[in-house]
Amino acid sequence: MDRFKRALFGYRRPDVDTAMTECEGLIGALEPKAARCDRQTATIAELEVELSALSGMVIEREREIRSLTERLREANERHDRSIASLESVSSRLEEIQTQARGQATRIRMKALREAVEVSRRVQALTEAEAADDAAPAANGSVESFDGLFEGEVKLEIGPLGDFSQLVGFEDAVGRIGASDISVERFSEGRATLNMRLDQPVELLRELEDLSALDFKVRHTAPDNLVLDVDEDEGPERRAA
């Protein structure tokens, strides 16, 4: 306002017109800048909208990540519980197997005791039969037997110190050439074996050569042989 000079009724009109022209020029120069500012403001608004949308997406992704993390934690916990359950089941199965083995052992022992009882009764009958066979043997039937065994033969031997001696004696019988070898009973140290000889065999001589046991003949017949192990033999011989 200081640049305008006063006239009689106010300011000088040329000065006012010049100032207005300059103002219009300045306004015209500022309008493009204002338009750019408007566009920038609109762009900023759009960016704010996009930023808001991106923020929402980030928040949603974080929510999904937290959900997935929680599900992963639950899955790990279920996995750990499953492993613990499997370990428990495995332990229980081992206990059941142990109990089953014990039960099977008790059943076998019971069956063995029953078999021993049956064997005792059968042995009593066999001894009675052997006593009956001994009478004709005393009358000279043994002398007439040539010592060759063939066909089905029953062999009784004892007393044996342990099961390993029975196995060793059974192997010796197998080396003689016998087939269909089976242990009919094994009771109180005495064993009865059934075998088949397809050809005539000098059974006593072969057993003396192949068996590690020293024995004496109690009874002999074409289909039956009873041997007594010499209980006075040394422990090394018995162990063999």
C-alpha atoms as a PDB file:
ATOM      1  CA  MET A   1       0.000   0.000   0.000  1.00  0.00           C
ATOM      2  CA  ASP A   2       2.956   2.307   0.516  1.00  0.00           C
ATOM      3  CA  ARG A   3       3.751   2.221  -3.204  1.00  0.00           C
ATOM      4  CA  PHE A   4       0.434   3.917  -4.115  1.00  0.00           C
ATOM      5  CA  LYS A   5       0.354   7.672  -4.188  1.00  0.00           C
ATOM      6  CA  ARG A   6      -2.754   9.438  -2.992  1.00  0.00           C
ATOM      7  CA  ALA A   7      -4.905  11.590  -5.202  1.00  0.00           C
ATOM      8  CA  LEU A   8      -7.745  13.906  -4.407  1.00  0.00           C
ATOM      9  CA  PHE A   9     -10.327  11.174  -4.029  1.00  0.00           C
ATOM     10  CA  GLY A  10      -8.074   8.192  -3.153  1.00  0.00           C
ATOM     11  CA  TYR A  11      -5.168   6.431  -4.922  1.00  0.00           C
ATOM     12  CA  ARG A  12      -3.964   7.102  -8.348  1.00  0.00           C
ATOM     13  CA  ARG A  13      -5.752   4.825 -10.784  1.00  0.00           C
ATOM     14  CA  PRO A  14      -2.702   3.984 -12.993  1.00  0.00           C
ATOM     15  CA  ASP A  15      -0.835   2.747  -9.951  1.00  0.00           C
ATOM     16  CA  VAL A  16      -3.794   0.607  -8.875  1.00  0.00           C
ATOM     17  CA  ASP A  17      -4.219  -0.817 -12.390  1.00  0.00           C
ATOM     18  CA  THR A  18      -0.511  -1.660 -12.562  1.00  0.00           C
ATOM     19  CA  ALA A  19      -0.689  -3.444  -9.191  1.00  0.00           C
ATOM     20  CA  MET A  20      -3.802  -5.370 -10.262  1.00  0.00           C
ATOM     21  CA  THR A  21      -2.092  -6.436 -13.461  1.00  0.00           C
ATOM     22  CA  GLU A  22       0.903  -7.661 -11.489  1.00  0.00           C
ATOM     23  CA  CYS A  23      -1.396  -9.547  -9.101  1.00  0.00           C
ATOM     24  CA  GLU A  24      -3.221 -11.191 -11.985  1.00  0.00           C
ATOM     25  CA  GLY A  25       0.157 -12.129 -13.461  1.00  0.00           C
ATOM     26  CA  LEU A  26       1.233 -13.652 -10.172  1.00  0.00           C
ATOM     27  CA  ILE A  27      -2.094 -15.513  -9.860  1.00  0.00           C
ATOM     28  CA  GLY A  28      -1.716 -16.785 -13.411  1.00  0.00           C
ATOM     29  CA  ALA A  29       1.823 -17.948 -12.585  1.00  0.00           C
ATOM     30  CA  LEU A  30       0.644 -19.673  -9.374  1.00  0.00           C
ATOM     31  CA  GLU A  31      -2.344 -21.461 -10.932  1.00  0.00           C
ATOM     32  CA  PRO A  32      -0.169 -24.175 -12.620  1.00  0.00           C
ATOM     33  CA  LYS A  33       1.610 -24.678  -9.323  1.00  0.00           C
ATOM     34  CA  ALA A  34      -1.734 -24.907  -7.558  1.00  0.00           C
ATOM     35  CA  ALA A  35      -2.908 -27.431 -10.160  1.00  0.00           C
ATOM     36  CA  ARG A  36       0.231 -29.449  -9.598  1.00  0.00           C
ATOM     37  CA  CYS A  37      -0.368 -29.219  -5.864  1.00  0.00           C
ATOM     38  CA  ASP A  38      -3.918 -30.472  -6.402  1.00  0.00           C
ATOM     39  CA  ARG A  39      -2.646 -33.369  -8.486  1.00  0.00           C
ATOM     40  CA  GLN A  40      -0.005 -34.134  -5.898  1.00  0.00           C
ATOM     41  CA  THR A  41      -2.656 -33.969  -3.207  1.00  0.00           C
ATOM     42  CA  ALA A  42      -4.811 -36.398  -5.201  1.00  0.00           C
ATOM     43  CA  THR A  43      -1.792 -38.657  -5.723  1.00  0.00           C
ATOM     44  CA  ILE A  44      -1.009 -38.498  -2.025  1.00  0.00           C
ATOM     45  CA  ALA A  45      -4.620 -39.419  -1.269  1.00  0.00           C
ATOM     46  CA  GLU A  46      -4.400 -42.354  -3.679  1.00  0.00           C
ATOM     47  CA  LEU A  47      -1.103 -43.403  -2.122  1.00  0.00           C
ATOM     48  CA  GLU A  48      -2.658 -43.134   1.313  1.00  0.00           C
ATOM     49  CA  VAL A  49      -5.508 -45.356   0.108  1.00  0.00           C
ATOM     50  CA  GLU A  50      -3.021 -47.849  -1.328  1.00  0.00           C
ATOM     51  CA  LEU A  51      -0.933 -47.604   1.836  1.00  0.00           C
ATOM     52  CA  SER A  52      -4.029 -48.254   3.896  1.00  0.00           C
ATOM     53  CA  ALA A  53      -4.850 -51.260   1.701  1.00  0.00           C
ATOM     54  CA  LEU A  54      -1.257 -52.517   1.954  1.00  0.00           C
ATOM     55  CA  SER A  55      -1.347 -52.009   5.703  1.00  0.00           C
ATOM     56  CA  GLY A  56      -4.543 -54.045   5.825  1.00  0.00           C
ATOM     57  CA  MET A  57      -2.884 -56.769   3.737  1.00  0.00           C
ATOM     58  CA  VAL A  58       0.169 -56.727   6.016  1.00  0.00           C
ATOM     59  CA  ILE A  59      -2.053 -56.977   9.068  1.00  0.00           C
ATOM     60  CA  GLU A  60      -3.982 -59.843   7.451  1.00  0.00           C
ATOM     61  CA  ARG A  61      -0.730 -61.610   6.548  1.00  0.00           C
ATOM     62  CA  GLU A  62       0.538 -61.145  10.093  1.00  0.00           C
ATOM     63  CA  ARG A  63      -2.747 -62.581  11.349  1.00  0.00           C
ATOM     64  CA  GLU A  64      -2.365 -65.559   8.989  1.00  0.00           C
ATOM     65  CA  ILE A  65       1.269 -65.995  10.058  1.00  0.00           C
ATOM     66  CA  ARG A  66       0.210 -66.003  13.713  1.00  0.00           C
ATOM     67  CA  SER A  67      -2.537 -68.509  12.868  1.00  0.00           C
ATOM     68  CA  LEU A  68      -0.113 -70.736  10.950  1.00  0.00           C
ATOM     69  CA  THR A  69       2.417 -70.460  13.769  1.00  0.00           C
ATOM     70  CA  GLU A  70      -0.226 -71.516  16.266  1.00  0.00           C
ATOM     71  CA  ARG A  71      -1.301 -74.413  14.035  1.00  0.00           C
ATOM     72  CA  LEU A  72       2.336 -75.443  13.631  1.00  0.00           C
ATOM     73  CA  ARG A  73       2.800 -75.351  17.398  1.00  0.00           C
ATOM     74  CA  GLU A  74      -0.331 -77.459  17.877  1.00  0.00           C
ATOM     75  CA  ALA A  75       0.880 -79.892  15.190  1.00  0.00           C
ATOM     76  CA  ASN A  76       4.245 -80.169  16.955  1.00  0.00           C
ATOM     77  CA  GLU A  77       2.472 -80.804  20.240  1.00  0.00           C
ATOM     78  CA  ARG A  78       0.309 -83.476  18.604  1.00  0.00           C
ATOM     79  CA  HIS A  79       3.436 -84.987  17.076  1.00  0.00           C
ATOM     80  CA  ASP A  80       5.141 -85.035  20.462  1.00  0.00           C
ATOM     81  CA  ARG A  81       2.035 -86.609  22.017  1.00  0.00           C
ATOM     82  CA  SER A  82       1.924 -89.172  19.201  1.00  0.00           C
ATOM     83  CA  ILE A  83       5.570 -90.064  19.767  1.00  0.00           C
ATOM     84  CA  ALA A  84       4.949 -90.370  23.497  1.00  0.00           C
ATOM     85  CA  SER A  85       1.900 -92.524  22.773  1.00  0.00           C
ATOM     86  CA  LEU A  86       3.906 -94.723  20.396  1.00  0.00           C
ATOM     87  CA  GLU A  87       6.627 -95.112  23.005  1.00  0.00           C
ATOM     88  CA  SER A  88       3.973 -96.060  25.543  1.00  0.00           C
ATOM     89  CA  VAL A  89       2.422 -98.551  23.112  1.00  0.00           C
ATOM     90  CA  SER A  90       5.863 -99.995  22.297  1.00  0.00           C
ATOM     91  CA  SER A  91       6.616-100.344  25.999  1.00  0.00           C
ATOM     92  CA  ARG A  92       3.261-102.013  26.541  1.00  0.00           C
ATOM     93  CA  LEU A  93       3.868-104.358  23.603  1.00  0.00           C
ATOM     94  CA  GLU A  94       7.238-105.297  25.084  1.00  0.00           C
ATOM     95  CA  GLU A  95       5.535-106.001  28.402  1.00  0.00           C
ATOM     96  CA  ILE A  96       2.892-108.106  26.620  1.00  0.00           C
ATOM     97  CA  GLN A  97       5.595-109.979  24.720  1.00  0.00           C
ATOM     98  CA  THR A  98       7.465-110.600  27.970  1.00  0.00           C
ATOM     99  CA  GLN A  99       4.268-111.819  29.619  1.00  0.00           C
ATOM    100  CA  ALA A 100       3.488-113.968  26.561  1.00  0.00           C
ATOM    101  CA  ARG A 101       6.965-115.517  26.654  1.00  0.00           C
ATOM    102  CA  GLY A 102       6.535-116.179  30.374  1.00  0.00           C
ATOM    103  CA  GLN A 103       3.107-117.684  29.794  1.00  0.00           C
ATOM    104  CA  ALA A 104       4.465-119.806  26.951  1.00  0.00           C
ATOM    105  CA  THR A 105       7.298-120.969  29.191  1.00  0.00           C
ATOM    106  CA  ARG A 106       4.824-121.888  31.928  1.00  0.00           C
ATOM    107  CA  ILE A 107       2.687-123.758  29.385  1.00  0.00           C
ATOM    108  CA  ARG A 108       5.744-125.620  28.082  1.00  0.00           C
ATOM    109  CA  MET A 109       6.839-126.459  31.620  1.00  0.00           C
ATOM    110  CA  LYS A 110       3.338-127.728  32.434  1.00  0.00           C
ATOM    111  CA  ALA A 111       3.302-129.779  29.231  1.00  0.00           C
ATOM    112  CA  LEU A 112       6.774-131.081  30.072  1.00  0.00           C
ATOM    113  CA  ARG A 113       5.666-132.111  33.554  1.00  0.00           C
ATOM    114  CA  GLU A 114       2.660-133.867  32.080  1.00  0.00           C
ATOM    115  CA  ALA A 115       4.906-135.516  29.483  1.00  0.00           C
ATOM    116  CA  VAL A 116       7.270-136.621  32.242  1.00  0.00           C
ATOM    117  CA  GLU A 117       4.356-138.161  34.101  1.00  0.00           C
ATOM    118  CA  VAL A 118       3.210-139.940  30.955  1.00  0.00           C
ATOM    119  CA  SER A 119       6.805-141.001  30.302  1.00  0.00           C
ATOM    120  CA  ARG A 120       7.047-142.493  33.772  1.00  0.00           C
ATOM    121  CA  ARG A 121       3.967-144.563  33.138  1.00  0.00           C
ATOM    122  CA  VAL A 122       5.189-145.617  29.700  1.00  0.00           C
ATOM    123  CA  GLN A 123       8.611-146.396  31.149  1.00  0.00           C
ATOM    124  CA  ALA A 124       7.014-148.622  33.748  1.00  0.00           C
ATOM    125  CA  LEU A 125       5.230-150.507  30.990  1.00  0.00           C
ATOM    126  CA  THR A 126       8.445-150.660  28.945  1.00  0.00           C
ATOM    127  CA  GLU A 127      10.394-152.022  31.900  1.00  0.00           C
ATOM    128  CA  ALA A 128       7.700-154.626  32.384  1.00  0.00           C
ATOM    129  CA  GLU A 129       7.986-155.572  28.722  1.00  0.00           C
ATOM    130  CA  ALA A 130      11.778-155.631  29.009  1.00  0.00           C
ATOM    131  CA  ALA A 131      11.508-157.944  31.979  1.00  0.00           C
ATOM    132  CA  ASP A 132       9.295-160.223  29.898  1.00  0.00           C
ATOM    133  CA  ASP A 133      11.816-160.116  27.042  1.00  0.00           C
ATOM    134  CA  ALA A 134      14.694-160.864  29.418  1.00  0.00           C
ATOM    135  CA  ALA A 135      13.365-164.365  30.137  1.00  0.00           C
ATOM    136  CA  PRO A 136      13.796-165.693  26.583  1.00  0.00           C
ATOM    137  CA  ALA A 137      17.107-163.856  26.376  1.00  0.00           C
ATOM    138  CA  ALA A 138      18.309-165.840  29.384  1.00  0.00           C
ATOM    139  CA  ASN A 139      17.338-169.009  27.552  1.00  0.00           C
ATOM    140  CA  GLY A 140      19.736-168.226  24.700  1.00  0.00           C
ATOM    141  CA  SER A 141      17.859-165.807  22.392  1.00  0.00           C
ATOM    142  CA  VAL A 142      20.541-163.160  22.832  1.00  0.00           C
ATOM    143  CA  GLU A 143      23.211-165.547  21.715  1.00  0.00           C
ATOM    144  CA  SER A 144      21.236-166.288  18.562  1.00  0.00           C
ATOM    145  CA  PHE A 145      20.940-162.550  17.679  1.00  0.00           C
ATOM    146  CA  ASP A 146      23.753-161.657  15.258  1.00  0.00           C
ATOM    147  CA  GLY A 147      23.919-157.977  16.328  1.00  0.00           C
ATOM    148  CA  LEU A 148      22.658-156.524  13.036  1.00  0.00           C
ATOM    149  CA  PHE A 149      19.811-154.041  13.426  1.00  0.00           C
ATOM    150  CA  GLU A 150      17.491-153.146  10.569  1.00  0.00           C
ATOM    151  CA  GLY A 151      14.144-151.408  10.162  1.00  0.00           C
ATOM    152  CA  GLU A 152      12.361-149.698  13.068  1.00  0.00           C
ATOM    153  CA  VAL A 153      14.535-149.693  16.185  1.00  0.00           C
ATOM    154  CA  LYS A 154      13.884-148.255  19.650  1.00  0.00           C
ATOM    155  CA  LEU A 155      16.952-147.271  21.648  1.00  0.00           C
ATOM    156  CA  GLU A 156      16.955-146.275  25.328  1.00  0.00           C
ATOM    157  CA  ILE A 157      20.039-144.760  26.966  1.00  0.00           C
ATOM    158  CA  GLY A 158      20.810-143.121  30.302  1.00  0.00           C
ATOM    159  CA  PRO A 159      21.490-141.633  32.645  1.00  0.00           C
ATOM    160  CA  LEU A 160      22.548-138.507  30.704  1.00  0.00           C
ATOM    161  CA  GLY A 161      24.020-135.540  32.523  1.00  0.00           C
ATOM    162  CA  ASP A 162      22.278-132.841  30.468  1.00  0.00           C
ATOM    163  CA  PHE A 163      20.479-132.131  27.230  1.00  0.00           C
ATOM    164  CA  SER A 164      23.742-131.517  25.341  1.00  0.00           C
ATOM    165  CA  GLN A 165      24.744-135.167  25.851  1.00  0.00           C
ATOM    166  CA  LEU A 166      21.428-136.234  24.333  1.00  0.00           C
ATOM    167  CA  VAL A 167      22.065-133.980  21.329  1.00  0.00           C
ATOM    168  CA  GLY A 168      25.584-135.403  20.907  1.00  0.00           C
ATOM    169  CA  PHE A 169      24.312-138.966  21.107  1.00  0.00           C
ATOM    170  CA  GLU A 170      21.544-138.176  18.598  1.00  0.00           C
ATOM    171  CA  ASP A 171      24.169-136.772  16.208  1.00  0.00           C
ATOM    172  CA  ALA A 172      26.173-139.992  16.556  1.00  0.00           C
ATOM    173  CA  VAL A 173      23.077-142.031  15.682  1.00  0.00           C
ATOM    174  CA  GLY A 174      22.543-139.818  12.647  1.00  0.00           C
ATOM    175  CA  ARG A 175      26.124-140.420  11.460  1.00  0.00           C
ATOM    176  CA  ILE A 176      25.500-144.173  11.544  1.00  0.00           C
ATOM    177  CA  GLY A 177      22.984-143.731   8.722  1.00  0.00           C
ATOM    178  CA  ALA A 178      19.730-143.874  10.659  1.00  0.00           C
ATOM    179  CA  SER A 179      16.742-141.890   9.397  1.00  0.00           C
ATOM    180  CA  ASP A 180      13.486-140.682  10.928  1.00  0.00           C
ATOM    181  CA  ILE A 181      15.262-140.120  14.252  1.00  0.00           C
ATOM    182  CA  SER A 182      12.963-138.811  16.983  1.00  0.00           C
ATOM    183  CA  VAL A 183      13.199-138.473  20.763  1.00  0.00           C
ATOM    184  CA  GLU A 184      10.176-140.260  22.173  1.00  0.00           C
ATOM    185  CA  ARG A 185      10.842-139.123  25.730  1.00  0.00           C
ATOM    186  CA  PHE A 186      13.546-137.701  27.947  1.00  0.00           C
ATOM    187  CA  SER A 187      12.836-138.169  31.634  1.00  0.00           C
ATOM    188  CA  GLU A 188      15.030-138.360  34.732  1.00  0.00           C
ATOM    189  CA  GLY A 189      18.166-138.499  32.633  1.00  0.00           C
ATOM    190  CA  ARG A 190      17.043-141.380  30.418  1.00  0.00           C
ATOM    191  CA  ALA A 191      16.130-140.886  26.780  1.00  0.00           C
ATOM    192  CA  THR A 192      14.252-143.112  24.355  1.00  0.00           C
ATOM    193  CA  LEU A 193      14.926-142.638  20.642  1.00  0.00           C
ATOM    194  CA  ASN A 194      13.075-144.067  17.671  1.00  0.00           C
ATOM    195  CA  MET A 195      14.955-144.545  14.389  1.00  0.00           C
ATOM    196  CA  ARG A 196      14.855-146.378  11.103  1.00  0.00           C
ATOM    197  CA  LEU A 197      17.784-148.332   9.621  1.00  0.00           C
ATOM    198  CA  ASP A 198      17.328-148.959   5.918  1.00  0.00           C
ATOM    199  CA  GLN A 199      20.234-151.451   5.851  1.00  0.00           C
ATOM    200  CA  PRO A 200      21.610-153.941   8.396  1.00  0.00           C
ATOM    201  CA  VAL A 201      23.929-152.081  10.810  1.00  0.00           C
ATOM    202  CA  GLU A 202      26.125-153.305  13.658  1.00  0.00           C
ATOM    203  CA  LEU A 203      24.579-150.656  15.859  1.00  0.00           C
ATOM    204  CA  LEU A 204      26.509-151.369  19.047  1.00  0.00           C
ATOM    205  CA  ARG A 205      29.899-151.318  17.344  1.00  0.00           C
ATOM    206  CA  GLU A 206      29.060-148.141  15.415  1.00  0.00           C
ATOM    207  CA  LEU A 207      27.886-146.408  18.587  1.00  0.00           C
ATOM    208  CA  GLU A 208      31.051-147.420  20.426  1.00  0.00           C
ATOM    209  CA  ASP A 209      33.089-145.843  17.636  1.00  0.00           C
ATOM    210  CA  LEU A 210      31.049-142.649  17.094  1.00  0.00           C
ATOM    211  CA  SER A 211      29.557-141.825  20.484  1.00  0.00           C
ATOM    212  CA  ALA A 212      31.487-139.893  23.138  1.00  0.00           C
ATOM    213  CA  LEU A 213      29.689-141.834  25.891  1.00  0.00           C
ATOM    214  CA  ASP A 214      30.840-145.045  27.558  1.00  0.00           C
ATOM    215  CA  PHE A 215      27.929-147.402  28.007  1.00  0.00           C
ATOM    216  CA  LYS A 216      26.996-150.962  28.901  1.00  0.00           C
ATOM    217  CA  VAL A 217      24.323-153.073  27.271  1.00  0.00           C
ATOM    218  CA  ARG A 218      21.382-153.863  29.541  1.00  0.00           C
ATOM    219  CA  HIS A 219      19.096-155.401  26.928  1.00  0.00           C
ATOM    220  CA  THR A 220      19.292-156.098  23.220  1.00  0.00           C
ATOM    221  CA  ALA A 221      16.778-157.400  20.703  1.00  0.00           C
ATOM    222  CA  PRO A 222      16.379-157.042  16.913  1.00  0.00           C
ATOM    223  CA  ASP A 223      14.152-153.986  17.347  1.00  0.00           C
ATOM    224  CA  ASN A 224      15.070-152.798  20.848  1.00  0.00           C
ATOM    225  CA  LEU A 225      18.273-151.755  22.578  1.00  0.00           C
ATOM    226  CA  VAL A 226      18.739-150.549  26.186  1.00  0.00           C
ATOM    227  CA  LEU A 227      22.068-148.953  27.161  1.00  0.00           C
ATOM    228  CA  ASP A 228      23.329-147.776  30.540  1.00  0.00           C
ATOM    229  CA  VAL A 229      25.874-144.957  30.555  1.00  0.00           C
ATOM    230  CA  ASP A 230      28.887-145.709  32.729  1.00  0.00           C
ATOM    231  CA  GLU A 231      28.435-143.253  35.602  1.00  0.00           C
ATOM    232  CA  ASP A 232      32.018-143.846  36.777  1.00  0.00           C
ATOM    233  CA  GLU A 233      33.566-142.246  33.660  1.00  0.00           C
ATOM    234  CA  GLY A 234      35.522-139.024  34.178  1.00  0.00           C
ATOM    235  CA  PRO A 235      33.881-135.575  34.003  1.00  0.00           C
ATOM    236  CA  GLU A 236      35.912-134.700  30.916  1.00  0.00           C
ATOM    237  CA  ARG A 237      34.493-137.714  29.071  1.00  0.00           C
ATOM    238  CA  ARG A 238      30.946-136.940  30.260  1.00  0.00           C
ATOM    239  CA  ALA A 239      31.264-133.297  29.185  1.00  0.00           C
ATOM    240  CA  ALA A 240      32.418-134.376  25.724  1.00  0.00           C
END
